[in-house]
Amino acid sequence: AAQKTDVGYTIRLEGNLWWANVPQGRIVLQ
């Protein structure tokens, strides 16, 4: 994200869900 380039990525993340707001589409993942 710091590179600020428009590139498509395959994203595979695994972790703990600390917070979630589904209507707003926001989560905190650790």
PDB file of all heavy atoms in Angstrom:
ATOM      1  N   ALA A   1       0.826  -1.205   0.000  1.00  0.00           N
ATOM      2  CA  ALA A   1       0.000   0.000   0.000  1.00  0.00           C
ATOM      3  C   ALA A   1       0.862   1.257   0.000  1.00  0.00           C
ATOM      4  O   ALA A   1       0.484   2.280  -0.576  1.00  0.00           O
ATOM      5  CB  ALA A   1      -0.934  -0.007   1.202  1.00  0.00           C
ATOM      6  N   ALA A   2       2.036   1.199   0.635  1.00  0.00           N
ATOM      7  CA  ALA A   2       2.918   2.360   0.689  1.00  0.00           C
ATOM      8  C   ALA A   2       3.497   2.697  -0.679  1.00  0.00           C
ATOM      9  O   ALA A   2       3.902   3.839  -0.933  1.00  0.00           O
ATOM     10  CB  ALA A   2       4.055   2.109   1.680  1.00  0.00           C
ATOM     11  N   GLN A   3       3.505   1.732  -1.604  1.00  0.00           N
ATOM     12  CA  GLN A   3       4.047   1.972  -2.933  1.00  0.00           C
ATOM     13  C   GLN A   3       3.088   2.745  -3.832  1.00  0.00           C
ATOM     14  O   GLN A   3       3.487   3.301  -4.850  1.00  0.00           O
ATOM     15  CB  GLN A   3       4.398   0.635  -3.595  1.00  0.00           C
ATOM     16  CG  GLN A   3       5.483  -0.137  -2.862  1.00  0.00           C
ATOM     17  CD  GLN A   3       5.693  -1.520  -3.431  1.00  0.00           C
ATOM     18  OE1 GLN A   3       4.970  -1.976  -4.326  1.00  0.00           O
ATOM     19  NE2 GLN A   3       6.687  -2.223  -2.913  1.00  0.00           N
ATOM     20  N   LYS A   4       1.802   2.764  -3.479  1.00  0.00           N
ATOM     21  CA  LYS A   4       0.784   3.530  -4.198  1.00  0.00           C
ATOM     22  C   LYS A   4       0.754   3.175  -5.688  1.00  0.00           C
ATOM     23  O   LYS A   4       0.762   4.036  -6.556  1.00  0.00           O
ATOM     24  CB  LYS A   4       1.009   5.032  -4.026  1.00  0.00           C
ATOM     25  CG  LYS A   4       0.923   5.510  -2.587  1.00  0.00           C
ATOM     26  CD  LYS A   4       1.132   7.000  -2.474  1.00  0.00           C
ATOM     27  CE  LYS A   4       1.039   7.456  -1.032  1.00  0.00           C
ATOM     28  NZ  LYS A   4       1.259   8.912  -0.881  1.00  0.00           N
ATOM     29  N   THR A   5       0.720   1.889  -5.991  1.00  0.00           N
ATOM     30  CA  THR A   5       0.644   1.434  -7.372  1.00  0.00           C
ATOM     31  C   THR A   5      -0.656   0.677  -7.600  1.00  0.00           C
ATOM     32  O   THR A   5      -1.144  -0.013  -6.703  1.00  0.00           O
ATOM     33  CB  THR A   5       1.825   0.508  -7.711  1.00  0.00           C
ATOM     34  OG1 THR A   5       1.855  -0.584  -6.783  1.00  0.00           O
ATOM     35  CG2 THR A   5       3.150   1.265  -7.633  1.00  0.00           C
ATOM     36  N   ASP A   6      -1.223   0.820  -8.786  1.00  0.00           N
ATOM     37  CA  ASP A   6      -2.443   0.103  -9.149  1.00  0.00           C
ATOM     38  C   ASP A   6      -2.054  -1.261  -9.720  1.00  0.00           C
ATOM     39  O   ASP A   6      -1.732  -1.393 -10.903  1.00  0.00           O
ATOM     40  CB  ASP A   6      -3.254   0.897 -10.176  1.00  0.00           C
ATOM     41  CG  ASP A   6      -3.952   2.093  -9.557  1.00  0.00           C
ATOM     42  OD1 ASP A   6      -4.250   2.037  -8.356  1.00  0.00           O
ATOM     43  OD2 ASP A   6      -4.183   3.076 -10.276  1.00  0.00           O
ATOM     44  N   VAL A   7      -2.057  -2.259  -8.861  1.00  0.00           N
ATOM     45  CA  VAL A   7      -1.712  -3.623  -9.255  1.00  0.00           C
ATOM     46  C   VAL A   7      -2.714  -4.563  -8.599  1.00  0.00           C
ATOM     47  O   VAL A   7      -3.127  -4.344  -7.464  1.00  0.00           O
ATOM     48  CB  VAL A   7      -0.274  -3.989  -8.810  1.00  0.00           C
ATOM     49  CG1 VAL A   7       0.059  -5.433  -9.172  1.00  0.00           C
ATOM     50  CG2 VAL A   7       0.734  -3.042  -9.438  1.00  0.00           C
ATOM     51  N   GLY A   8      -3.105  -5.608  -9.309  1.00  0.00           N
ATOM     52  CA  GLY A   8      -3.986  -6.607  -8.726  1.00  0.00           C
ATOM     53  C   GLY A   8      -3.174  -7.669  -7.989  1.00  0.00           C
ATOM     54  O   GLY A   8      -2.102  -8.085  -8.451  1.00  0.00           O
ATOM     55  N   TYR A   9      -3.668  -8.107  -6.834  1.00  0.00           N
ATOM     56  CA  TYR A   9      -2.969  -9.100  -6.028  1.00  0.00           C
ATOM     57  C   TYR A   9      -3.920 -10.231  -5.651  1.00  0.00           C
ATOM     58  O   TYR A   9      -5.119 -10.018  -5.463  1.00  0.00           O
ATOM     59  CB  TYR A   9      -2.419  -8.478  -4.739  1.00  0.00           C
ATOM     60  CG  TYR A   9      -1.336  -7.453  -4.968  1.00  0.00           C
ATOM     61  CD1 TYR A   9      -1.660  -6.109  -5.141  1.00  0.00           C
ATOM     62  CD2 TYR A   9       0.009  -7.824  -5.032  1.00  0.00           C
ATOM     63  CE1 TYR A   9      -0.670  -5.162  -5.371  1.00  0.00           C
ATOM     64  CE2 TYR A   9       0.998  -6.883  -5.257  1.00  0.00           C
ATOM     65  CZ  TYR A   9       0.655  -5.555  -5.427  1.00  0.00           C
ATOM     66  OH  TYR A   9       1.632  -4.621  -5.650  1.00  0.00           O
ATOM     67  N   THR A  10      -3.362 -11.431  -5.520  1.00  0.00           N
ATOM     68  CA  THR A  10      -4.076 -12.534  -4.891  1.00  0.00           C
ATOM     69  C   THR A  10      -3.804 -12.428  -3.394  1.00  0.00           C
ATOM     70  O   THR A  10      -2.645 -12.451  -2.969  1.00  0.00           O
ATOM     71  CB  THR A  10      -3.585 -13.887  -5.418  1.00  0.00           C
ATOM     72  OG1 THR A  10      -3.876 -13.975  -6.813  1.00  0.00           O
ATOM     73  CG2 THR A  10      -4.291 -15.031  -4.694  1.00  0.00           C
ATOM     74  N   ILE A  11      -4.855 -12.284  -2.608  1.00  0.00           N
ATOM     75  CA  ILE A  11      -4.718 -12.021  -1.175  1.00  0.00           C
ATOM     76  C   ILE A  11      -5.201 -13.239  -0.389  1.00  0.00           C
ATOM     77  O   ILE A  11      -6.333 -13.694  -0.574  1.00  0.00           O
ATOM     78  CB  ILE A  11      -5.515 -10.766  -0.779  1.00  0.00           C
ATOM     79  CG1 ILE A  11      -4.981  -9.556  -1.564  1.00  0.00           C
ATOM     80  CG2 ILE A  11      -5.442 -10.519   0.720  1.00  0.00           C
ATOM     81  CD1 ILE A  11      -5.854  -8.335  -1.458  1.00  0.00           C
ATOM     82  N   ARG A  12      -4.324 -13.762   0.460  1.00  0.00           N
ATOM     83  CA  ARG A  12      -4.656 -14.888   1.326  1.00  0.00           C
ATOM     84  C   ARG A  12      -4.153 -14.566   2.729  1.00  0.00           C
ATOM     85  O   ARG A  12      -2.957 -14.660   3.011  1.00  0.00           O
ATOM     86  CB  ARG A  12      -4.019 -16.185   0.828  1.00  0.00           C
ATOM     87  CG  ARG A  12      -4.509 -16.631  -0.545  1.00  0.00           C
ATOM     88  CD  ARG A  12      -3.749 -17.838  -1.042  1.00  0.00           C
ATOM     89  NE  ARG A  12      -4.131 -18.180  -2.405  1.00  0.00           N
ATOM     90  CZ  ARG A  12      -3.445 -19.017  -3.194  1.00  0.00           C
ATOM     91  NH1 ARG A  12      -2.345 -19.601  -2.715  1.00  0.00           N
ATOM     92  NH2 ARG A  12      -3.845 -19.264  -4.416  1.00  0.00           N
ATOM     93  N   LEU A  13      -5.076 -14.163   3.580  1.00  0.00           N
ATOM     94  CA  LEU A  13      -4.722 -13.778   4.941  1.00  0.00           C
ATOM     95  C   LEU A  13      -5.371 -14.723   5.941  1.00  0.00           C
ATOM     96  O   LEU A  13      -6.487 -15.198   5.711  1.00  0.00           O
ATOM     97  CB  LEU A  13      -5.172 -12.343   5.224  1.00  0.00           C
ATOM     98  CG  LEU A  13      -4.595 -11.245   4.321  1.00  0.00           C
ATOM     99  CD1 LEU A  13      -5.246  -9.908   4.637  1.00  0.00           C
ATOM    100  CD2 LEU A  13      -3.088 -11.161   4.482  1.00  0.00           C
ATOM    101  N   GLU A  14      -4.682 -14.951   7.039  1.00  0.00           N
ATOM    102  CA  GLU A  14      -5.203 -15.816   8.085  1.00  0.00           C
ATOM    103  C   GLU A  14      -4.860 -15.202   9.431  1.00  0.00           C
ATOM    104  O   GLU A  14      -3.709 -14.837   9.676  1.00  0.00           O
ATOM    105  CB  GLU A  14      -4.588 -17.211   7.971  1.00  0.00           C
ATOM    106  CG  GLU A  14      -5.086 -18.203   8.997  1.00  0.00           C
ATOM    107  CD  GLU A  14      -4.523 -19.588   8.763  1.00  0.00           C
ATOM    108  OE1 GLU A  14      -4.647 -20.107   7.631  1.00  0.00           O
ATOM    109  OE2 GLU A  14      -3.953 -20.151   9.730  1.00  0.00           O
ATOM    110  N   GLY A  15      -5.870 -15.036  10.301  1.00  0.00           N
ATOM    111  CA  GLY A  15      -5.579 -14.441  11.589  1.00  0.00           C
ATOM    112  C   GLY A  15      -6.787 -14.352  12.484  1.00  0.00           C
ATOM    113  O   GLY A  15      -7.828 -14.979  12.239  1.00  0.00           O
ATOM    114  N   ASN A  16      -6.648 -13.549  13.534  1.00  0.00           N
ATOM    115  CA  ASN A  16      -7.691 -13.372  14.541  1.00  0.00           C
ATOM    116  C   ASN A  16      -8.502 -12.123  14.243  1.00  0.00           C
ATOM    117  O   ASN A  16      -7.947 -11.067  13.921  1.00  0.00           O
ATOM    118  CB  ASN A  16      -7.065 -13.241  15.934  1.00  0.00           C
ATOM    119  CG  ASN A  16      -6.256 -14.461  16.315  1.00  0.00           C
ATOM    120  OD1 ASN A  16      -6.634 -15.585  16.023  1.00  0.00           O
ATOM    121  ND2 ASN A  16      -5.118 -14.243  16.966  1.00  0.00           N
ATOM    122  N   LEU A  17      -9.813 -12.240  14.369  1.00  0.00           N
ATOM    123  CA  LEU A  17     -10.707 -11.118  14.128  1.00  0.00           C
ATOM    124  C   LEU A  17     -10.929 -10.396  15.455  1.00  0.00           C
ATOM    125  O   LEU A  17     -11.621 -10.881  16.345  1.00  0.00           O
ATOM    126  CB  LEU A  17     -12.039 -11.632  13.565  1.00  0.00           C
ATOM    127  CG  LEU A  17     -12.927 -10.635  12.837  1.00  0.00           C
ATOM    128  CD1 LEU A  17     -12.229 -10.090  11.605  1.00  0.00           C
ATOM    129  CD2 LEU A  17     -14.235 -11.287  12.444  1.00  0.00           C
ATOM    130  N   TRP A  18     -10.329  -9.215  15.587  1.00  0.00           N
ATOM    131  CA  TRP A  18     -10.449  -8.460  16.828  1.00  0.00           C
ATOM    132  C   TRP A  18     -11.707  -7.600  16.856  1.00  0.00           C
ATOM    133  O   TRP A  18     -12.236  -7.305  17.935  1.00  0.00           O
ATOM    134  CB  TRP A  18      -9.218  -7.563  17.011  1.00  0.00           C
ATOM    135  CG  TRP A  18      -8.012  -8.304  17.463  1.00  0.00           C
ATOM    136  CD1 TRP A  18      -7.106  -8.943  16.671  1.00  0.00           C
ATOM    137  CD2 TRP A  18      -7.586  -8.507  18.803  1.00  0.00           C
ATOM    138  NE1 TRP A  18      -6.137  -9.538  17.429  1.00  0.00           N
ATOM    139  CE2 TRP A  18      -6.403  -9.276  18.755  1.00  0.00           C
ATOM    140  CE3 TRP A  18      -8.069  -8.111  20.047  1.00  0.00           C
ATOM    141  CZ2 TRP A  18      -5.714  -9.661  19.891  1.00  0.00           C
ATOM    142  CZ3 TRP A  18      -7.376  -8.479  21.189  1.00  0.00           C
ATOM    143  CH2 TRP A  18      -6.223  -9.252  21.108  1.00  0.00           C
ATOM    144  N   TRP A  19     -12.173  -7.154  15.676  1.00  0.00           N
ATOM    145  CA  TRP A  19     -13.340  -6.263  15.617  1.00  0.00           C
ATOM    146  C   TRP A  19     -13.934  -6.371  14.222  1.00  0.00           C
ATOM    147  O   TRP A  19     -13.213  -6.588  13.244  1.00  0.00           O
ATOM    148  CB  TRP A  19     -12.914  -4.823  15.905  1.00  0.00           C
ATOM    149  CG  TRP A  19     -13.994  -3.790  15.772  1.00  0.00           C
ATOM    150  CD1 TRP A  19     -14.960  -3.495  16.670  1.00  0.00           C
ATOM    151  CD2 TRP A  19     -14.196  -2.915  14.657  1.00  0.00           C
ATOM    152  NE1 TRP A  19     -15.761  -2.479  16.187  1.00  0.00           N
ATOM    153  CE2 TRP A  19     -15.301  -2.103  14.958  1.00  0.00           C
ATOM    154  CE3 TRP A  19     -13.531  -2.736  13.438  1.00  0.00           C
ATOM    155  CZ2 TRP A  19     -15.788  -1.134  14.080  1.00  0.00           C
ATOM    156  CZ3 TRP A  19     -14.008  -1.774  12.554  1.00  0.00           C
ATOM    157  CH2 TRP A  19     -15.126  -0.981  12.890  1.00  0.00           C
ATOM    158  N   ALA A  20     -15.261  -6.234  14.132  1.00  0.00           N
ATOM    159  CA  ALA A  20     -15.923  -6.321  12.832  1.00  0.00           C
ATOM    160  C   ALA A  20     -17.158  -5.435  12.807  1.00  0.00           C
ATOM    161  O   ALA A  20     -17.945  -5.427  13.757  1.00  0.00           O
ATOM    162  CB  ALA A  20     -16.312  -7.766  12.514  1.00  0.00           C
ATOM    163  N   ASN A  21     -17.318  -4.676  11.727  1.00  0.00           N
ATOM    164  CA  ASN A  21     -18.523  -3.901  11.458  1.00  0.00           C
ATOM    165  C   ASN A  21     -18.942  -4.245  10.037  1.00  0.00           C
ATOM    166  O   ASN A  21     -18.479  -3.632   9.069  1.00  0.00           O
ATOM    167  CB  ASN A  21     -18.257  -2.402  11.608  1.00  0.00           C
ATOM    168  CG  ASN A  21     -19.532  -1.578  11.509  1.00  0.00           C
ATOM    169  OD1 ASN A  21     -20.416  -1.864  10.704  1.00  0.00           O
ATOM    170  ND2 ASN A  21     -19.641  -0.545  12.333  1.00  0.00           N
ATOM    171  N   VAL A  22     -19.790  -5.271   9.900  1.00  0.00           N
ATOM    172  CA  VAL A  22     -20.167  -5.788   8.590  1.00  0.00           C
ATOM    173  C   VAL A  22     -20.880  -4.738   7.735  1.00  0.00           C
ATOM    174  O   VAL A  22     -20.570  -4.597   6.548  1.00  0.00           O
ATOM    175  CB  VAL A  22     -21.008  -7.067   8.732  1.00  0.00           C
ATOM    176  CG1 VAL A  22     -21.544  -7.521   7.386  1.00  0.00           C
ATOM    177  CG2 VAL A  22     -20.164  -8.177   9.364  1.00  0.00           C
ATOM    178  N   PRO A  23     -21.869  -3.981   8.264  1.00  0.00           N
ATOM    179  CA  PRO A  23     -22.530  -2.979   7.411  1.00  0.00           C
ATOM    180  C   PRO A  23     -21.563  -1.960   6.815  1.00  0.00           C
ATOM    181  O   PRO A  23     -21.749  -1.511   5.681  1.00  0.00           O
ATOM    182  CB  PRO A  23     -23.527  -2.317   8.369  1.00  0.00           C
ATOM    183  CG  PRO A  23     -23.805  -3.349   9.406  1.00  0.00           C
ATOM    184  CD  PRO A  23     -22.506  -4.059   9.596  1.00  0.00           C
ATOM    185  N   GLN A  24     -20.534  -1.581   7.573  1.00  0.00           N
ATOM    186  CA  GLN A  24     -19.554  -0.624   7.065  1.00  0.00           C
ATOM    187  C   GLN A  24     -18.435  -1.296   6.284  1.00  0.00           C
ATOM    188  O   GLN A  24     -17.608  -0.611   5.663  1.00  0.00           O
ATOM    189  CB  GLN A  24     -18.955   0.175   8.220  1.00  0.00           C
ATOM    190  CG  GLN A  24     -19.941   1.098   8.908  1.00  0.00           C
ATOM    191  CD  GLN A  24     -19.271   1.942   9.977  1.00  0.00           C
ATOM    192  OE1 GLN A  24     -18.051   1.989  10.091  1.00  0.00           O
ATOM    193  NE2 GLN A  24     -20.079   2.621  10.774  1.00  0.00           N
ATOM    194  N   GLY A  25     -18.384  -2.618   6.297  1.00  0.00           N
ATOM    195  CA  GLY A  25     -17.334  -3.319   5.570  1.00  0.00           C
ATOM    196  C   GLY A  25     -15.957  -3.107   6.159  1.00  0.00           C
ATOM    197  O   GLY A  25     -14.981  -2.915   5.431  1.00  0.00           O
ATOM    198  N   ARG A  26     -15.847  -3.165   7.484  1.00  0.00           N
ATOM    199  CA  ARG A  26     -14.574  -2.911   8.149  1.00  0.00           C
ATOM    200  C   ARG A  26     -14.304  -3.982   9.205  1.00  0.00           C
ATOM    201  O   ARG A  26     -15.220  -4.378   9.938  1.00  0.00           O
ATOM    202  CB  ARG A  26     -14.564  -1.522   8.799  1.00  0.00           C
ATOM    203  CG  ARG A  26     -14.692  -0.383   7.818  1.00  0.00           C
ATOM    204  CD  ARG A  26     -15.117   0.891   8.510  1.00  0.00           C
ATOM    205  NE  ARG A  26     -14.179   1.278   9.558  1.00  0.00           N
ATOM    206  CZ  ARG A  26     -14.515   2.011  10.612  1.00  0.00           C
ATOM    207  NH1 ARG A  26     -15.772   2.420  10.782  1.00  0.00           N
ATOM    208  NH2 ARG A  26     -13.606   2.334  11.512  1.00  0.00           N
ATOM    209  N   ILE A  27     -13.063  -4.431   9.256  1.00  0.00           N
ATOM    210  CA  ILE A  27     -12.641  -5.389  10.270  1.00  0.00           C
ATOM    211  C   ILE A  27     -11.256  -4.998  10.777  1.00  0.00           C
ATOM    212  O   ILE A  27     -10.529  -4.259  10.111  1.00  0.00           O
ATOM    213  CB  ILE A  27     -12.594  -6.841   9.732  1.00  0.00           C
ATOM    214  CG1 ILE A  27     -11.539  -6.966   8.616  1.00  0.00           C
ATOM    215  CG2 ILE A  27     -13.962  -7.293   9.257  1.00  0.00           C
ATOM    216  CD1 ILE A  27     -11.308  -8.397   8.155  1.00  0.00           C
ATOM    217  N   VAL A  28     -10.905  -5.504  11.954  1.00  0.00           N
ATOM    218  CA  VAL A  28      -9.526  -5.426  12.441  1.00  0.00           C
ATOM    219  C   VAL A  28      -9.017  -6.856  12.519  1.00  0.00           C
ATOM    220  O   VAL A  28      -9.569  -7.682  13.255  1.00  0.00           O
ATOM    221  CB  VAL A  28      -9.424  -4.720  13.804  1.00  0.00           C
ATOM    222  CG1 VAL A  28      -8.003  -4.837  14.343  1.00  0.00           C
ATOM    223  CG2 VAL A  28      -9.829  -3.257  13.678  1.00  0.00           C
ATOM    224  N   LEU A  29      -7.976  -7.140  11.730  1.00  0.00           N
ATOM    225  CA  LEU A  29      -7.408  -8.488  11.659  1.00  0.00           C
ATOM    226  C   LEU A  29      -5.989  -8.458  12.230  1.00  0.00           C
ATOM    227  O   LEU A  29      -5.226  -7.532  11.968  1.00  0.00           O
ATOM    228  CB  LEU A  29      -7.378  -8.969  10.208  1.00  0.00           C
ATOM    229  CG  LEU A  29      -6.936 -10.420   9.996  1.00  0.00           C
ATOM    230  CD1 LEU A  29      -8.025 -11.377  10.466  1.00  0.00           C
ATOM    231  CD2 LEU A  29      -6.617 -10.671   8.523  1.00  0.00           C
ATOM    232  N   GLN A  30      -5.660  -9.490  13.005  1.00  0.00           N
ATOM    233  CA  GLN A  30      -4.329  -9.619  13.582  1.00  0.00           C
ATOM    234  C   GLN A  30      -3.752 -10.973  13.172  1.00  0.00           C
ATOM    235  O   GLN A  30      -4.370 -12.019  13.382  1.00  0.00           O
ATOM    236  CB  GLN A  30      -4.387  -9.501  15.100  1.00  0.00           C
ATOM    237  CG  GLN A  30      -3.056  -9.698  15.806  1.00  0.00           C
ATOM    238  CD  GLN A  30      -2.961 -11.039  16.511  1.00  0.00           C
ATOM    239  OE1 GLN A  30      -3.969 -11.595  16.941  1.00  0.00           O
ATOM    240  NE2 GLN A  30      -1.751 -11.560  16.637  1.00  0.00           N
TER     241      GLN A  30
END
